[in-house]
Amino acid sequence: MQTPCERRLIFDDALDGIGRTPLVRLDRMAKAHGLKCNLLAKAEFYSSGGSVKDRIAKRMVEEAEKQGRLIPGKSVVIEPTSGNTGIGLALVCAIKGYSCIIVLPEKMSLEKELTLRALGAEIVRTPTAAPSQSEDSNLGVALRLEKSIPGGVILDQYKNPNNPMAHEFGTGPEIIHAITATKSTEAQPSSGKVDVLVAGAGTGGTLSGLSKVIKTTHNPACRVVGVDPVGSVLAGPSKDKIGGYMVEGIGYDFVPEVMNYQYVDSWVKTEDEETFRTACEIIRQEGLLVGGSSGALVCAALRFLKSQEGFEKYGNVAGQNVVVMLPDNIRNYMSKDWFLEGTQPKVASKLSGLICQAIEQTKPAESPNGQPYLSNGGVKVTVEQPKINGVNGVRANGVPS
């Protein structure tokens, strides 16, 4: 019999693919950082729209339908967002037949806009520098559109209680079930509880909903760690200049109404450089194609677990279960500088030299279609093998691939 946390084998539509995402062991990263605990990632990018925000989009739309706020054929869904909630809403609206307008700041990636357009949404871009409470911000523009467009309805993830409730009644129970249903073994010991939860704060819905359900129904002693980028105000007052961070999906210059601090024990502030470096580390070491905010959350988890308190109580204790949210995937960020730079090899590998030699030594006398070549960062690579930082490698000859 199917449990609430199991996926169907045949979906009726894409909405059935929202949620019920796996927990994935990050054993390679844990070992690389000297940790003995179970470092477990809630891989939300396995959801239909590719992010944790699919959950709240589906719940907000369905609850609005029950309340009569959304009427098929008449209502137009409008939402200010950093992108992922918009993609989730556009997906739900595509299935249910609603028109959809998404208002997002200019800094949000081109990939998000293209995905929204593919789903049939209309997109309005707003100045990134506009304060959230100004009429030119994505929130302000969305309110202007709601007043002017017939049938316009803002579901408002910043105030809508269905945002945290999607995690209190969905994501959280999935995590608890996965942990409690997994038997402890000698090879993979487990406390049987969620001992640490690490989640980011944007609207605050994920962090608020998860921390509440885990602490009130499962483990009151669970250590909840919130993650906030430097330049955001969600972790509390700071001397840092507001804004300026490039990571998307977490952080704000105001505190949304759905943010509940009651069950959050501590905060970690993250910088862009370490955030994006860690995202690339997750991709390379664990094979999980994560986005930037996932890098921030894993970076924060590692920092906490390697601190004196975190290491003694959790990081250095076999069987302690540390759950980290991975909000979305790399699809939305492949044109971003941090990803393009992160995929460039710092030194040429020994294998690349062998590849070039093999191609050169085995090439036919005549090649009417041109010669194959090793592509390294968008350029052709020759067989020359100079020393690069003392390592044998290949030299890019600068010819565009």
Protein backbone atom coordinates (compact mmCIF):
# COMPACT_ATOMS: atom_id res chain seq x y z
CA MET A 1 0.00 0.00 0.00
CA GLN A 2 1.25 3.48 -0.90
CA THR A 3 2.17 5.71 2.05
CA PRO A 4 1.71 9.51 1.93
CA CYS A 5 5.46 9.80 1.33
CA GLU A 6 5.62 7.44 -1.66
CA ARG A 7 5.17 8.45 -5.27
CA ARG A 8 2.68 6.84 -7.61
CA LEU A 9 4.06 4.71 -10.41
CA ILE A 10 1.78 6.47 -12.91
CA PHE A 11 1.00 10.19 -12.47
CA ASP A 12 -2.32 11.65 -13.59
CA ASP A 13 -0.44 14.84 -14.46
CA ALA A 14 2.62 16.87 -13.46
CA LEU A 15 0.97 17.92 -10.19
CA ASP A 16 1.39 14.36 -8.91
CA GLY A 17 5.13 14.85 -9.26
CA ILE A 18 5.24 17.72 -6.78
CA GLY A 19 6.84 16.79 -3.46
CA ARG A 20 7.68 13.31 -2.14
CA THR A 21 11.34 14.04 -2.77
CA PRO A 22 14.18 11.81 -1.54
CA LEU A 23 16.70 12.26 1.22
CA VAL A 24 20.17 11.70 -0.27
CA ARG A 25 23.27 10.87 1.76
CA LEU A 26 26.14 13.32 1.27
CA ASP A 27 28.70 10.77 2.46
CA ARG A 28 31.54 11.98 0.23
CA MET A 29 31.29 15.55 1.44
CA ALA A 30 30.88 14.46 5.05
CA LYS A 31 34.05 12.35 4.82
CA ALA A 32 35.95 15.13 3.04
CA HIS A 33 35.12 17.50 5.90
CA GLY A 34 35.93 15.04 8.70
CA LEU A 35 32.35 14.40 9.83
CA LYS A 36 30.95 11.15 11.26
CA CYS A 37 27.27 12.15 11.30
CA ASN A 38 24.70 11.29 8.65
CA LEU A 39 24.63 14.35 6.37
CA LEU A 40 21.31 14.02 4.54
CA ALA A 41 20.05 16.28 1.76
CA LYS A 42 16.35 16.79 1.05
CA ALA A 43 16.61 17.00 -2.75
CA GLU A 44 13.70 19.27 -3.63
CA PHE A 45 14.76 19.61 -7.27
CA TYR A 46 13.24 16.17 -7.92
CA SER A 47 9.84 17.90 -7.81
CA SER A 48 8.03 18.55 -11.12
CA GLY A 49 8.99 22.21 -11.42
CA GLY A 50 12.48 21.69 -10.07
CA SER A 51 12.27 23.38 -6.67
CA VAL A 52 10.88 23.40 -3.15
CA LYS A 53 8.50 26.19 -4.21
CA ASP A 54 6.35 23.79 -6.24
CA ARG A 55 4.83 22.67 -2.95
CA ILE A 56 3.58 26.08 -1.89
CA ALA A 57 2.40 26.96 -5.41
CA LYS A 58 0.17 23.88 -5.55
CA ARG A 59 -1.23 24.38 -2.06
CA MET A 60 -1.85 28.13 -2.47
CA VAL A 61 -3.73 27.62 -5.75
CA GLU A 62 -5.81 24.70 -4.49
CA GLU A 63 -6.76 26.46 -1.26
CA ALA A 64 -7.67 29.64 -3.16
CA GLU A 65 -9.93 27.54 -5.38
CA LYS A 66 -11.66 26.06 -2.33
CA GLN A 67 -12.18 29.56 -0.94
CA GLY A 68 -13.57 30.88 -4.23
CA ARG A 69 -10.73 33.37 -4.72
CA LEU A 70 -9.63 31.67 -7.93
CA ILE A 71 -12.25 30.97 -10.60
CA PRO A 72 -11.27 28.95 -13.69
CA GLY A 73 -11.64 30.98 -16.87
CA LYS A 74 -11.84 34.28 -15.00
CA SER A 75 -8.95 34.67 -12.57
CA VAL A 76 -5.43 35.78 -13.44
CA VAL A 77 -2.73 34.64 -11.01
CA ILE A 78 -0.18 37.40 -10.25
CA GLU A 79 2.85 36.82 -8.05
CA PRO A 80 6.00 38.76 -7.06
CA THR A 81 8.81 36.23 -6.71
CA SER A 82 12.53 35.56 -7.04
CA GLY A 83 11.62 32.99 -9.66
CA ASN A 84 11.01 29.52 -8.24
CA THR A 85 7.58 30.27 -6.78
CA GLY A 86 6.76 31.76 -10.15
CA ILE A 87 7.82 28.60 -11.95
CA GLY A 88 5.77 26.50 -9.55
CA LEU A 89 2.72 28.72 -10.05
CA ALA A 90 3.18 28.81 -13.83
CA LEU A 91 3.28 25.02 -13.86
CA VAL A 92 0.15 24.70 -11.72
CA CYS A 93 -1.63 27.36 -13.80
CA ALA A 94 -0.67 25.58 -17.03
CA ILE A 95 -2.29 22.38 -15.75
CA LYS A 96 -5.37 24.10 -14.34
CA GLY A 97 -5.88 26.64 -17.15
CA TYR A 98 -5.22 29.96 -15.39
CA SER A 99 -3.44 32.93 -16.93
CA CYS A 100 -0.32 33.83 -14.96
CA ILE A 101 1.79 36.97 -14.53
CA ILE A 102 5.12 36.71 -12.71
CA VAL A 103 6.94 39.82 -11.45
CA LEU A 104 10.61 39.27 -10.67
CA PRO A 105 13.71 41.43 -10.08
CA GLU A 106 16.24 41.92 -12.86
CA LYS A 107 19.01 39.99 -11.05
CA MET A 108 17.09 36.75 -11.35
CA SER A 109 18.51 34.44 -13.99
CA LEU A 110 17.56 34.36 -17.66
CA GLU A 111 16.89 30.63 -17.32
CA LYS A 112 14.08 31.35 -14.86
CA GLU A 113 12.47 33.75 -17.33
CA LEU A 114 12.78 31.27 -20.20
CA THR A 115 11.24 28.50 -18.10
CA LEU A 116 8.37 30.78 -17.11
CA ARG A 117 7.75 31.71 -20.73
CA ALA A 118 7.81 28.04 -21.76
CA LEU A 119 5.04 27.43 -19.22
CA GLY A 120 2.97 30.26 -20.72
CA ALA A 121 3.48 32.93 -18.07
CA GLU A 122 3.83 36.65 -18.75
CA ILE A 123 6.93 38.16 -17.13
CA VAL A 124 7.49 41.65 -15.74
CA ARG A 125 11.02 42.59 -14.63
CA THR A 126 11.68 45.17 -11.89
CA PRO A 127 14.85 47.00 -10.75
CA THR A 128 16.90 44.84 -8.36
CA ALA A 129 17.87 47.91 -6.33
CA ALA A 130 14.26 48.93 -5.67
CA PRO A 131 13.43 48.54 -1.93
CA SER A 132 10.76 45.91 -1.32
CA GLN A 133 8.25 48.45 -0.01
CA SER A 134 8.58 50.78 -3.01
CA GLU A 135 6.09 50.90 -5.90
CA ASP A 136 8.87 49.92 -8.32
CA SER A 137 9.79 46.69 -6.54
CA ASN A 138 8.40 43.36 -7.65
CA LEU A 139 5.96 43.49 -4.72
CA GLY A 140 4.89 47.04 -5.58
CA VAL A 141 4.44 46.34 -9.28
CA ALA A 142 2.43 43.19 -8.55
CA LEU A 143 0.03 45.22 -6.39
CA ARG A 144 -0.35 47.79 -9.19
CA LEU A 145 -1.15 45.01 -11.66
CA GLU A 146 -3.69 43.40 -9.32
CA LYS A 147 -5.60 46.68 -9.12
CA SER A 148 -5.62 47.20 -12.87
CA ILE A 149 -6.09 43.74 -14.42
CA PRO A 150 -9.61 42.23 -14.30
CA GLY A 151 -9.66 39.03 -12.28
CA GLY A 152 -6.14 39.63 -10.96
CA VAL A 153 -5.33 37.72 -7.76
CA ILE A 154 -2.06 37.84 -5.80
CA LEU A 155 -1.68 34.66 -3.77
CA ASP A 156 1.14 36.39 -1.86
CA GLN A 157 3.65 33.84 -0.63
CA TYR A 158 4.95 36.43 1.86
CA LYS A 159 1.68 36.49 3.82
CA ASN A 160 -0.16 33.33 2.76
CA PRO A 161 -0.35 30.80 5.63
CA ASN A 162 -0.43 27.98 3.07
CA ASN A 163 3.25 28.69 2.43
CA PRO A 164 4.52 27.32 5.77
CA MET A 165 1.62 24.86 5.95
CA ALA A 166 2.82 23.15 2.76
CA HIS A 167 5.97 22.21 4.69
CA GLU A 168 4.30 21.58 8.04
CA PHE A 169 1.94 19.05 6.48
CA GLY A 170 4.02 17.91 3.51
CA THR A 171 7.80 18.28 3.51
CA GLY A 172 8.20 17.84 7.26
CA PRO A 173 6.25 14.58 7.57
CA GLU A 174 8.20 13.23 4.58
CA ILE A 175 11.49 13.92 6.36
CA ILE A 176 10.28 12.45 9.64
CA HIS A 177 8.96 9.32 7.91
CA ALA A 178 12.22 8.81 5.99
CA ILE A 179 14.32 9.06 9.16
CA THR A 180 12.11 6.96 11.43
CA ALA A 181 11.48 4.26 8.80
CA THR A 182 15.20 3.75 8.13
CA LYS A 183 16.70 1.11 10.39
CA SER A 184 19.95 1.76 12.19
CA THR A 185 22.70 -0.66 11.16
CA GLU A 186 26.32 -1.15 12.12
CA ALA A 187 27.40 0.23 8.76
CA GLN A 188 24.92 3.13 8.82
CA PRO A 189 23.95 3.92 12.43
CA SER A 190 21.02 6.24 13.06
CA SER A 191 19.56 7.92 16.14
CA GLY A 192 16.12 7.44 14.62
CA LYS A 193 15.45 11.18 14.90
CA VAL A 194 16.04 14.40 13.01
CA ASP A 195 18.82 15.77 15.21
CA VAL A 196 19.68 18.87 13.18
CA LEU A 197 17.69 20.72 10.51
CA VAL A 198 19.40 23.28 8.26
CA ALA A 199 17.09 25.41 6.10
CA GLY A 200 17.33 28.75 4.35
CA ALA A 201 15.10 31.75 4.84
CA GLY A 202 13.53 33.68 1.98
CA THR A 203 9.84 34.10 2.63
CA GLY A 204 10.51 31.98 5.72
CA GLY A 205 7.86 29.42 4.82
CA THR A 206 10.16 26.40 4.53
CA LEU A 207 12.09 27.16 7.72
CA SER A 208 8.96 28.03 9.72
CA GLY A 209 6.86 25.07 8.63
CA LEU A 210 9.61 22.48 8.98
CA SER A 211 10.90 23.67 12.34
CA LYS A 212 7.38 23.74 13.79
CA VAL A 213 6.35 20.23 12.76
CA ILE A 214 9.68 18.62 13.65
CA LYS A 215 9.91 20.22 17.09
CA THR A 216 6.26 19.87 18.07
CA THR A 217 5.52 16.38 16.77
CA HIS A 218 8.84 14.57 16.46
CA ASN A 219 11.91 15.81 18.35
CA PRO A 220 11.69 18.90 20.59
CA ALA A 221 15.48 18.77 20.99
CA CYS A 222 16.16 19.06 17.26
CA ARG A 223 18.66 21.83 16.59
CA VAL A 224 17.22 24.15 13.92
CA VAL A 225 19.76 26.25 12.02
CA GLY A 226 18.54 29.06 9.79
CA VAL A 227 20.65 30.27 6.87
CA ASP A 228 20.69 33.87 5.66
CA PRO A 229 23.06 35.61 3.20
CA VAL A 230 25.16 38.55 4.33
CA GLY A 231 23.17 41.65 3.31
CA SER A 232 19.80 40.19 4.30
CA VAL A 233 17.90 41.16 7.45
CA LEU A 234 16.15 37.85 8.19
CA ALA A 235 18.68 36.64 10.75
CA GLY A 236 18.18 39.85 12.73
CA PRO A 237 19.78 43.31 12.98
CA SER A 238 23.24 43.57 11.43
CA LYS A 239 25.88 46.18 10.69
CA ASP A 240 26.18 44.78 7.17
CA LYS A 241 24.94 46.87 4.27
CA ILE A 242 21.51 45.66 3.17
CA GLY A 243 21.47 43.98 -0.24
CA GLY A 244 24.38 43.27 -2.55
CA TYR A 245 24.28 39.46 -2.40
CA MET A 246 23.96 37.51 -5.65
CA VAL A 247 22.59 34.21 -4.37
CA GLU A 248 18.94 33.80 -5.37
CA GLY A 249 16.03 32.40 -3.39
CA ILE A 250 17.14 33.26 0.15
CA GLY A 251 17.42 36.57 1.98
CA TYR A 252 15.31 39.74 1.96
CA ASP A 253 15.41 43.37 3.01
CA PHE A 254 12.24 42.92 5.09
CA VAL A 255 10.73 40.20 7.27
CA PRO A 256 7.75 38.47 5.59
CA GLU A 257 4.67 37.82 7.69
CA VAL A 258 4.94 34.03 7.38
CA MET A 259 8.41 34.01 8.98
CA ASN A 260 8.13 32.39 12.42
CA TYR A 261 11.25 32.59 14.59
CA GLN A 262 9.82 30.56 17.48
CA TYR A 263 11.49 27.26 16.63
CA VAL A 264 14.78 28.53 15.14
CA ASP A 265 17.73 27.99 17.50
CA SER A 266 20.58 29.71 15.67
CA TRP A 267 21.62 31.35 12.40
CA VAL A 268 24.54 31.12 10.00
CA LYS A 269 25.28 34.02 7.65
CA THR A 270 26.83 33.07 4.31
CA GLU A 271 28.90 34.92 1.73
CA ASP A 272 28.45 34.54 -2.03
CA GLU A 273 31.95 33.19 -2.65
CA GLU A 274 31.67 30.28 -0.23
CA THR A 275 28.08 29.68 -1.30
CA PHE A 276 28.89 29.19 -4.97
CA ARG A 277 32.10 27.29 -4.27
CA THR A 278 30.16 24.81 -2.14
CA ALA A 279 27.45 24.44 -4.80
CA CYS A 280 30.12 23.41 -7.31
CA GLU A 281 31.60 21.06 -4.71
CA ILE A 282 28.23 19.33 -4.26
CA ILE A 283 27.88 18.91 -8.02
CA ARG A 284 31.36 17.46 -8.45
CA GLN A 285 31.52 15.27 -5.34
CA GLU A 286 27.93 14.08 -5.01
CA GLY A 287 26.65 14.32 -8.58
CA LEU A 288 23.66 16.41 -7.46
CA LEU A 289 22.98 19.23 -9.91
CA VAL A 290 22.11 21.88 -7.33
CA GLY A 291 21.60 25.63 -7.53
CA GLY A 292 23.32 28.39 -5.57
CA SER A 293 21.07 28.43 -2.51
CA SER A 294 21.80 24.74 -1.96
CA GLY A 295 25.45 25.72 -1.77
CA ALA A 296 24.62 28.26 0.93
CA LEU A 297 22.72 25.72 3.02
CA VAL A 298 25.34 22.98 2.80
CA CYS A 299 28.08 25.55 3.45
CA ALA A 300 26.21 26.69 6.58
CA ALA A 301 25.66 23.09 7.70
CA LEU A 302 29.37 22.30 7.36
CA ARG A 303 30.37 25.42 9.22
CA PHE A 304 27.98 24.63 12.08
CA LEU A 305 29.00 20.97 12.25
CA LYS A 306 32.69 21.90 12.33
CA SER A 307 32.23 24.52 15.05
CA GLN A 308 33.21 23.44 18.57
CA GLU A 309 29.62 22.97 19.75
CA GLY A 310 28.35 21.48 16.48
CA PHE A 311 31.25 19.06 16.14
CA GLU A 312 31.06 17.71 19.70
CA LYS A 313 27.28 17.24 19.75
CA TYR A 314 26.55 16.32 16.15
CA GLY A 315 29.32 16.39 13.55
CA ASN A 316 31.65 13.95 15.32
CA VAL A 317 28.87 11.61 16.49
CA ALA A 318 28.03 8.62 14.30
CA GLY A 319 24.27 8.18 13.88
CA GLN A 320 23.31 11.83 14.33
CA ASN A 321 20.97 12.78 11.48
CA VAL A 322 21.60 16.21 9.98
CA VAL A 323 19.03 17.17 7.34
CA VAL A 324 19.88 19.96 4.89
CA MET A 325 17.40 21.35 2.41
CA LEU A 326 18.49 21.55 -1.25
CA PRO A 327 15.92 24.03 -2.66
CA ASP A 328 16.51 23.82 -6.41
CA ASN A 329 18.76 22.68 -9.25
CA ILE A 330 21.35 24.12 -11.61
CA ARG A 331 18.88 24.50 -14.50
CA ASN A 332 18.12 28.05 -13.40
CA TYR A 333 21.71 29.24 -13.14
CA MET A 334 23.77 27.79 -15.98
CA SER A 335 24.45 31.22 -17.51
CA LYS A 336 25.55 32.74 -14.20
CA ASP A 337 29.19 33.76 -13.86
CA TRP A 338 29.67 31.74 -10.68
CA PHE A 339 28.66 28.53 -12.45
CA LEU A 340 30.57 29.23 -15.65
CA GLU A 341 33.71 30.02 -13.65
CA GLY A 342 33.16 27.09 -11.31
CA THR A 343 33.10 24.61 -14.17
CA GLN A 344 36.44 25.79 -15.57
CA PRO A 345 39.30 23.46 -14.60
CA LYS A 346 41.98 25.30 -12.66
CA VAL A 347 44.66 23.01 -14.09
CA ALA A 348 44.56 20.69 -17.05
CA SER A 349 44.14 17.04 -16.14
CA LYS A 350 46.52 14.23 -17.08
CA LEU A 351 43.61 12.55 -18.85
CA SER A 352 43.10 15.53 -21.14
CA GLY A 353 46.67 15.18 -22.35
CA LEU A 354 46.12 11.49 -23.09
CA ILE A 355 42.92 12.31 -24.97
CA CYS A 356 44.70 14.82 -27.20
CA GLN A 357 47.54 12.39 -27.87
CA ALA A 358 45.10 9.59 -28.74
CA ILE A 359 43.19 11.83 -31.15
CA GLU A 360 46.40 13.02 -32.79
CA GLN A 361 47.94 9.54 -33.10
CA THR A 362 44.83 7.86 -34.50
CA LYS A 363 43.53 10.53 -36.87
CA PRO A 364 42.87 9.35 -40.46
CA ALA A 365 44.85 10.72 -43.39
CA GLU A 366 41.77 12.48 -44.72
CA SER A 367 39.03 14.02 -42.57
CA PRO A 368 36.47 15.71 -44.85
CA ASN A 369 34.23 16.51 -41.88
CA GLY A 370 36.97 18.04 -39.76
CA GLN A 371 38.99 16.69 -36.86
CA PRO A 372 37.56 15.87 -33.43
CA TYR A 373 39.00 17.93 -30.61
CA LEU A 374 38.93 18.18 -26.82
CA SER A 375 36.71 21.05 -25.70
CA ASN A 376 37.81 22.75 -22.51
CA GLY A 377 35.65 25.66 -21.45
CA GLY A 378 34.39 26.40 -24.93
CA VAL A 379 37.76 26.39 -26.68
CA LYS A 380 39.58 23.78 -28.72
CA VAL A 381 42.50 22.16 -26.93
CA THR A 382 45.70 21.21 -28.73
CA VAL A 383 48.08 18.36 -28.08
CA GLU A 384 50.75 20.68 -26.67
CA GLN A 385 51.52 19.84 -23.04
CA PRO A 386 53.19 22.66 -21.14
CA LYS A 387 53.59 22.70 -17.37
CA ILE A 388 50.62 24.37 -15.65
CA ASN A 389 51.39 25.07 -12.00
CA GLY A 390 53.86 22.21 -12.12
CA VAL A 391 51.30 19.78 -13.55
CA ASN A 392 51.43 18.38 -17.06
CA GLY A 393 48.43 19.62 -18.98
CA VAL A 394 47.14 20.85 -22.32
CA ARG A 395 47.08 24.36 -23.68
CA ALA A 396 43.91 25.90 -25.06
CA ASN A 397 44.67 27.52 -28.37
CA GLY A 398 41.85 30.02 -28.08
CA VAL A 399 39.83 28.77 -31.05
CA PRO A 400 36.09 28.94 -30.28
CA SER A 401 34.48 25.50 -30.26
